[in-house]
């Protein structure tokens, strides 16, 4: 900007546009860093996105995603402890884990899903899912059955979705588990 006779001239269009671009870039980088610090902020992946993340993890065991935590034994913790062990801190009450399935016997395909306080019960056959990029897999839904005092069983609202990719039998040792708490009417 030049001044003429004591008056400041208005900035040129190019100067205004350059200033606005710099301002927008600074705001964008600040917002991006703030959003990345909010772990799990609105992380609601589709089945296809979960299968793609699972495939990346299977091909590269060192792959990590900022909202999905690696855990060795998912049945080693109770559902309420899994929520605390998650990488996400959101109000959605949903957390995700990469884990290896535990089998009841060494050479068995029968899953071991017992914890100290109860067990994860499969609620149906599971659904077959095929993605656009050719991956196929299954999604199983499980509910947590709590063993209370005097051997009383109760459903307490914890749900697990297990995602398995089926394309290669040599990779059956990894899954994504989505743990959530279903609130019932009257619960806080």
C-alpha atoms as a PDB file:
ATOM      1  CA  UNK A   1       0.000   0.000   0.000  1.00  0.00           C
ATOM      2  CA  UNK A   2       1.240   3.434  -0.865  1.00  0.00           C
ATOM      3  CA  UNK A   3       0.209   6.700   0.707  1.00  0.00           C
ATOM      4  CA  UNK A   4      -0.671   9.730  -1.393  1.00  0.00           C
ATOM      5  CA  UNK A   5      -0.767  13.136   0.194  1.00  0.00           C
ATOM      6  CA  UNK A   6      -1.249  11.915   3.754  1.00  0.00           C
ATOM      7  CA  UNK A   7      -3.951   9.450   2.787  1.00  0.00           C
ATOM      8  CA  UNK A   8      -3.451   5.705   2.756  1.00  0.00           C
ATOM      9  CA  UNK A   9      -4.611   4.048  -0.386  1.00  0.00           C
ATOM     10  CA  UNK A  10      -6.730   0.939  -0.254  1.00  0.00           C
ATOM     11  CA  UNK A  11      -4.993  -2.404  -0.646  1.00  0.00           C
ATOM     12  CA  UNK A  12      -5.105  -4.036  -4.034  1.00  0.00           C
ATOM     13  CA  UNK A  13      -7.311  -7.027  -4.713  1.00  0.00           C
ATOM     14  CA  UNK A  14      -4.215  -9.256  -4.902  1.00  0.00           C
ATOM     15  CA  UNK A  15      -3.073  -8.083  -1.445  1.00  0.00           C
ATOM     16  CA  UNK A  16      -6.509  -8.778   0.055  1.00  0.00           C
ATOM     17  CA  UNK A  17      -6.704 -12.225  -1.543  1.00  0.00           C
ATOM     18  CA  UNK A  18      -3.170 -13.108  -0.382  1.00  0.00           C
ATOM     19  CA  UNK A  19      -3.976 -11.992   3.175  1.00  0.00           C
ATOM     20  CA  UNK A  20      -7.210 -14.019   3.185  1.00  0.00           C
ATOM     21  CA  UNK A  21      -5.442 -17.112   1.874  1.00  0.00           C
ATOM     22  CA  UNK A  22      -2.779 -16.842   4.579  1.00  0.00           C
ATOM     23  CA  UNK A  23      -5.452 -16.348   7.243  1.00  0.00           C
ATOM     24  CA  UNK A  24      -7.453 -19.354   6.012  1.00  0.00           C
ATOM     25  CA  UNK A  25      -4.344 -21.541   5.882  1.00  0.00           C
ATOM     26  CA  UNK A  26      -3.431 -20.584   9.459  1.00  0.00           C
ATOM     27  CA  UNK A  27      -6.980 -21.265  10.704  1.00  0.00           C
ATOM     28  CA  UNK A  28      -7.113 -24.578   8.833  1.00  0.00           C
ATOM     29  CA  UNK A  29      -3.835 -25.832  10.336  1.00  0.00           C
ATOM     30  CA  UNK A  30      -4.950 -24.758  13.825  1.00  0.00           C
ATOM     31  CA  UNK A  31      -8.336 -26.482  13.428  1.00  0.00           C
ATOM     32  CA  UNK A  32      -6.717 -29.603  11.989  1.00  0.00           C
ATOM     33  CA  UNK A  33      -4.335 -29.932  14.948  1.00  0.00           C
ATOM     34  CA  UNK A  34      -7.196 -29.388  17.400  1.00  0.00           C
ATOM     35  CA  UNK A  35      -9.331 -32.023  15.651  1.00  0.00           C
ATOM     36  CA  UNK A  36      -6.491 -34.547  15.670  1.00  0.00           C
ATOM     37  CA  UNK A  37      -6.071 -34.027  19.408  1.00  0.00           C
ATOM     38  CA  UNK A  38      -9.738 -34.979  19.914  1.00  0.00           C
ATOM     39  CA  UNK A  39      -9.231 -38.736  19.770  1.00  0.00           C
ATOM     40  CA  UNK A  40     -12.234 -40.534  18.366  1.00  0.00           C
ATOM     41  CA  UNK A  41     -14.060 -37.368  17.427  1.00  0.00           C
ATOM     42  CA  UNK A  42     -17.017 -38.584  15.359  1.00  0.00           C
ATOM     43  CA  UNK A  43     -15.250 -41.788  14.323  1.00  0.00           C
ATOM     44  CA  UNK A  44     -18.170 -43.746  12.902  1.00  0.00           C
ATOM     45  CA  UNK A  45     -16.715 -45.948  10.173  1.00  0.00           C
ATOM     46  CA  UNK A  46     -18.844 -47.980   7.810  1.00  0.00           C
ATOM     47  CA  UNK A  47     -18.422 -51.753   7.600  1.00  0.00           C
ATOM     48  CA  UNK A  48     -16.393 -51.247   4.421  1.00  0.00           C
ATOM     49  CA  UNK A  49     -14.017 -48.790   6.125  1.00  0.00           C
ATOM     50  CA  UNK A  50     -13.514 -51.214   9.026  1.00  0.00           C
ATOM     51  CA  UNK A  51     -12.664 -54.036   6.605  1.00  0.00           C
ATOM     52  CA  UNK A  52     -10.173 -51.792   4.790  1.00  0.00           C
ATOM     53  CA  UNK A  53      -8.472 -50.888   8.085  1.00  0.00           C
ATOM     54  CA  UNK A  54      -8.403 -54.563   9.067  1.00  0.00           C
ATOM     55  CA  UNK A  55      -6.822 -55.482   5.732  1.00  0.00           C
ATOM     56  CA  UNK A  56      -4.121 -52.815   6.205  1.00  0.00           C
ATOM     57  CA  UNK A  57      -3.396 -54.180   9.689  1.00  0.00           C
ATOM     58  CA  UNK A  58      -3.186 -57.753   8.400  1.00  0.00           C
ATOM     59  CA  UNK A  59      -0.719 -56.777   5.664  1.00  0.00           C
ATOM     60  CA  UNK A  60       1.365 -54.601   7.986  1.00  0.00           C
ATOM     61  CA  UNK A  61       1.289 -55.642  11.676  1.00  0.00           C
ATOM     62  CA  UNK A  62       2.849 -52.285  12.632  1.00  0.00           C
ATOM     63  CA  UNK A  63      -0.026 -50.334  11.064  1.00  0.00           C
ATOM     64  CA  UNK A  64      -1.966 -48.310  13.600  1.00  0.00           C
ATOM     65  CA  UNK A  65      -4.997 -46.089  13.457  1.00  0.00           C
ATOM     66  CA  UNK A  66      -5.396 -43.259  15.951  1.00  0.00           C
ATOM     67  CA  UNK A  67      -8.802 -44.476  17.177  1.00  0.00           C
ATOM     68  CA  UNK A  68      -8.266 -48.259  17.158  1.00  0.00           C
ATOM     69  CA  UNK A  69      -6.105 -49.755  19.892  1.00  0.00           C
ATOM     70  CA  UNK A  70      -4.182 -53.032  19.658  1.00  0.00           C
ATOM     71  CA  UNK A  71      -5.083 -55.440  22.453  1.00  0.00           C
ATOM     72  CA  UNK A  72      -3.787 -58.982  22.988  1.00  0.00           C
ATOM     73  CA  UNK A  73      -6.677 -60.690  24.747  1.00  0.00           C
ATOM     74  CA  UNK A  74     -10.030 -58.975  24.477  1.00  0.00           C
ATOM     75  CA  UNK A  75     -11.593 -61.476  26.897  1.00  0.00           C
ATOM     76  CA  UNK A  76      -8.902 -60.749  29.471  1.00  0.00           C
ATOM     77  CA  UNK A  77     -10.784 -57.561  30.349  1.00  0.00           C
ATOM     78  CA  UNK A  78     -14.388 -56.942  31.268  1.00  0.00           C
ATOM     79  CA  UNK A  79     -16.429 -54.724  28.901  1.00  0.00           C
ATOM     80  CA  UNK A  80     -16.417 -51.802  31.341  1.00  0.00           C
ATOM     81  CA  UNK A  81     -12.604 -52.086  31.549  1.00  0.00           C
ATOM     82  CA  UNK A  82     -12.292 -52.218  27.753  1.00  0.00           C
ATOM     83  CA  UNK A  83     -14.045 -48.869  27.505  1.00  0.00           C
ATOM     84  CA  UNK A  84     -11.339 -47.386  29.758  1.00  0.00           C
ATOM     85  CA  UNK A  85      -8.529 -49.084  27.807  1.00  0.00           C
ATOM     86  CA  UNK A  86      -9.734 -47.594  24.521  1.00  0.00           C
ATOM     87  CA  UNK A  87      -7.931 -44.802  22.681  1.00  0.00           C
ATOM     88  CA  UNK A  88     -11.164 -42.907  22.130  1.00  0.00           C
ATOM     89  CA  UNK A  89     -12.775 -40.513  24.523  1.00  0.00           C
ATOM     90  CA  UNK A  90     -16.120 -39.684  23.017  1.00  0.00           C
ATOM     91  CA  UNK A  91     -19.701 -39.424  24.119  1.00  0.00           C
ATOM     92  CA  UNK A  92     -20.686 -42.082  21.580  1.00  0.00           C
ATOM     93  CA  UNK A  93     -19.761 -44.850  24.057  1.00  0.00           C
ATOM     94  CA  UNK A  94     -18.154 -46.860  21.250  1.00  0.00           C
ATOM     95  CA  UNK A  95     -14.573 -48.099  21.143  1.00  0.00           C
ATOM     96  CA  UNK A  96     -12.589 -50.158  18.641  1.00  0.00           C
ATOM     97  CA  UNK A  97      -9.806 -52.722  19.033  1.00  0.00           C
ATOM     98  CA  UNK A  98      -7.522 -54.745  16.784  1.00  0.00           C
ATOM     99  CA  UNK A  99      -7.177 -58.132  18.448  1.00  0.00           C
ATOM    100  CA  UNK A 100      -6.449 -61.783  17.833  1.00  0.00           C
ATOM    101  CA  UNK A 101      -9.265 -64.197  18.555  1.00  0.00           C
ATOM    102  CA  UNK A 102      -8.804 -66.565  21.474  1.00  0.00           C
ATOM    103  CA  UNK A 103      -9.625 -70.181  20.744  1.00  0.00           C
ATOM    104  CA  UNK A 104     -10.930 -72.658  23.270  1.00  0.00           C
ATOM    105  CA  UNK A 105      -8.385 -75.307  22.267  1.00  0.00           C
ATOM    106  CA  UNK A 106      -5.035 -75.067  20.520  1.00  0.00           C
ATOM    107  CA  UNK A 107      -6.101 -76.518  17.149  1.00  0.00           C
ATOM    108  CA  UNK A 108      -9.731 -75.484  17.357  1.00  0.00           C
ATOM    109  CA  UNK A 109     -11.725 -72.836  15.523  1.00  0.00           C
ATOM    110  CA  UNK A 110     -14.127 -72.562  18.458  1.00  0.00           C
ATOM    111  CA  UNK A 111     -13.776 -69.127  20.018  1.00  0.00           C
ATOM    112  CA  UNK A 112     -13.198 -68.655  23.729  1.00  0.00           C
ATOM    113  CA  UNK A 113     -15.198 -65.629  24.851  1.00  0.00           C
ATOM    114  CA  UNK A 114     -15.357 -66.033  28.631  1.00  0.00           C
ATOM    115  CA  UNK A 115     -14.255 -63.301  31.025  1.00  0.00           C
ATOM    116  CA  UNK A 116     -14.088 -63.391  34.826  1.00  0.00           C
ATOM    117  CA  UNK A 117     -17.524 -61.796  35.218  1.00  0.00           C
ATOM    118  CA  UNK A 118     -19.385 -63.410  32.317  1.00  0.00           C
ATOM    119  CA  UNK A 119     -19.129 -64.235  28.640  1.00  0.00           C
ATOM    120  CA  UNK A 120     -19.813 -62.834  25.164  1.00  0.00           C
ATOM    121  CA  UNK A 121     -22.738 -64.665  23.541  1.00  0.00           C
ATOM    122  CA  UNK A 122     -23.205 -64.720  19.759  1.00  0.00           C
ATOM    123  CA  UNK A 123     -26.697 -63.456  18.936  1.00  0.00           C
ATOM    124  CA  UNK A 124     -27.052 -64.884  15.444  1.00  0.00           C
ATOM    125  CA  UNK A 125     -25.254 -66.401  12.490  1.00  0.00           C
ATOM    126  CA  UNK A 126     -23.472 -63.223  11.517  1.00  0.00           C
ATOM    127  CA  UNK A 127     -23.805 -61.323   8.310  1.00  0.00           C
ATOM    128  CA  UNK A 128     -21.623 -61.691   5.244  1.00  0.00           C
ATOM    129  CA  UNK A 129     -20.259 -58.427   3.919  1.00  0.00           C
ATOM    130  CA  UNK A 130     -18.587 -57.780   0.581  1.00  0.00           C
ATOM    131  CA  UNK A 131     -16.786 -54.511  -0.074  1.00  0.00           C
ATOM    132  CA  UNK A 132     -16.428 -52.684  -3.377  1.00  0.00           C
ATOM    133  CA  UNK A 133     -12.695 -53.432  -3.531  1.00  0.00           C
ATOM    134  CA  UNK A 134     -13.275 -57.204  -3.396  1.00  0.00           C
ATOM    135  CA  UNK A 135     -12.791 -57.932   0.312  1.00  0.00           C
ATOM    136  CA  UNK A 136     -15.328 -60.199   1.905  1.00  0.00           C
ATOM    137  CA  UNK A 137     -15.892 -60.935   5.531  1.00  0.00           C
ATOM    138  CA  UNK A 138     -18.324 -61.529   8.326  1.00  0.00           C
ATOM    139  CA  UNK A 139     -19.715 -59.390  11.077  1.00  0.00           C
ATOM    140  CA  UNK A 140     -20.887 -61.131  14.228  1.00  0.00           C
ATOM    141  CA  UNK A 141     -22.894 -59.422  16.945  1.00  0.00           C
ATOM    142  CA  UNK A 142     -22.371 -60.547  20.535  1.00  0.00           C
ATOM    143  CA  UNK A 143     -23.962 -59.462  23.797  1.00  0.00           C
ATOM    144  CA  UNK A 144     -22.325 -59.661  27.192  1.00  0.00           C
ATOM    145  CA  UNK A 145     -23.973 -62.036  29.656  1.00  0.00           C
ATOM    146  CA  UNK A 146     -23.132 -61.153  33.253  1.00  0.00           C
ATOM    147  CA  UNK A 147     -22.928 -63.855  35.919  1.00  0.00           C
ATOM    148  CA  UNK A 148     -24.216 -62.187  39.035  1.00  0.00           C
ATOM    149  CA  UNK A 149     -24.368 -63.545  42.564  1.00  0.00           C
ATOM    150  CA  UNK A 150     -26.035 -66.939  42.976  1.00  0.00           C
ATOM    151  CA  UNK A 151     -25.344 -67.812  39.301  1.00  0.00           C
ATOM    152  CA  UNK A 152     -27.947 -65.410  37.963  1.00  0.00           C
ATOM    153  CA  UNK A 153     -27.314 -64.457  34.348  1.00  0.00           C
ATOM    154  CA  UNK A 154     -28.234 -61.036  33.057  1.00  0.00           C
ATOM    155  CA  UNK A 155     -27.782 -59.012  29.885  1.00  0.00           C
ATOM    156  CA  UNK A 156     -26.332 -55.721  30.957  1.00  0.00           C
ATOM    157  CA  UNK A 157     -26.263 -53.768  27.706  1.00  0.00           C
ATOM    158  CA  UNK A 158     -22.719 -54.314  26.389  1.00  0.00           C
ATOM    159  CA  UNK A 159     -22.550 -55.248  22.691  1.00  0.00           C
ATOM    160  CA  UNK A 160     -19.571 -56.372  20.593  1.00  0.00           C
ATOM    161  CA  UNK A 161     -19.394 -56.389  16.808  1.00  0.00           C
ATOM    162  CA  UNK A 162     -16.628 -58.691  15.524  1.00  0.00           C
ATOM    163  CA  UNK A 163     -15.331 -58.085  12.007  1.00  0.00           C
ATOM    164  CA  UNK A 164     -13.400 -60.912  10.281  1.00  0.00           C
ATOM    165  CA  UNK A 165     -11.967 -60.841   6.751  1.00  0.00           C
ATOM    166  CA  UNK A 166     -12.505 -64.155   4.933  1.00  0.00           C
ATOM    167  CA  UNK A 167     -10.387 -63.904   1.788  1.00  0.00           C
ATOM    168  CA  UNK A 168      -7.308 -65.810   2.995  1.00  0.00           C
ATOM    169  CA  UNK A 169      -7.314 -68.547   5.674  1.00  0.00           C
ATOM    170  CA  UNK A 170      -3.746 -67.726   6.688  1.00  0.00           C
ATOM    171  CA  UNK A 171      -4.971 -64.353   8.006  1.00  0.00           C
ATOM    172  CA  UNK A 172      -7.796 -65.537  10.260  1.00  0.00           C
ATOM    173  CA  UNK A 173      -5.830 -64.532  13.324  1.00  0.00           C
ATOM    174  CA  UNK A 174      -6.923 -60.883  13.424  1.00  0.00           C
ATOM    175  CA  UNK A 175     -10.224 -59.092  13.885  1.00  0.00           C
ATOM    176  CA  UNK A 176     -11.653 -55.697  14.723  1.00  0.00           C
ATOM    177  CA  UNK A 177     -13.925 -55.558  17.752  1.00  0.00           C
ATOM    178  CA  UNK A 178     -16.344 -52.684  18.215  1.00  0.00           C
ATOM    179  CA  UNK A 179     -17.545 -52.441  21.814  1.00  0.00           C
ATOM    180  CA  UNK A 180     -20.535 -50.296  22.727  1.00  0.00           C
ATOM    181  CA  UNK A 181     -22.905 -49.784  25.607  1.00  0.00           C
ATOM    182  CA  UNK A 182     -26.584 -49.812  24.689  1.00  0.00           C
ATOM    183  CA  UNK A 183     -28.569 -47.647  27.032  1.00  0.00           C
ATOM    184  CA  UNK A 184     -32.011 -48.782  28.025  1.00  0.00           C
ATOM    185  CA  UNK A 185     -34.892 -46.526  28.979  1.00  0.00           C
ATOM    186  CA  UNK A 186     -34.436 -45.313  32.508  1.00  0.00           C
ATOM    187  CA  UNK A 187     -30.648 -45.661  32.556  1.00  0.00           C
ATOM    188  CA  UNK A 188     -28.553 -42.600  33.236  1.00  0.00           C
END
